[in-house]
Amino acid sequence: MTKTYESNLARWHDFIKGRGQQTKLLSEILADEVIFRSPVVWTPQEGKAITMRYLIAAAQVLEDFKYHREFTSEDSIGLEFTARIGDTIVKGIDLIRFNPAGQIIDFEVMARPARALQALGMAMGEKLAQKSGV
């Protein structure tokens, strides 16, 4: 059975392969009211603009990013990944929920171990500060 989000999931994989350079593609697959849940920020980030900033930064700081397994349901997918930040290996899961139109409506990232989570927080903070000029 084809799920409504399959084509946008394929486009998400294309975005990841491009290391965050395809911003138009990302904008098309995110719903305007998307919510992003970061592993290092407690408060959910609401809206397409802030979600794009986080996802573009993550695609750029996570090296050797690779998805290994998929867990699917009717409107959601869990994608297990590994990546690297410098010498630190990050293991995690992206939990993605899609709206009826197949756009991403909720994106949650979980990462481990603690050392990797700290490295991710620092790298993301630096990348986001560069983008915003802070």
Foldseek 3Di string as FASTA:
>chain_A
DDALQVVLVVLVVVCLVVLLPCLVSLLVQADQFAWEAEQVDHDIDTGDVVVSLQVSLLSNQWAPKDWDDWDDDRFKIKTWIWTDHVPDIKTWIWIFGADNNNHTRYIYIHIDDPVVSVSSVVSSVVSSCVVVVD
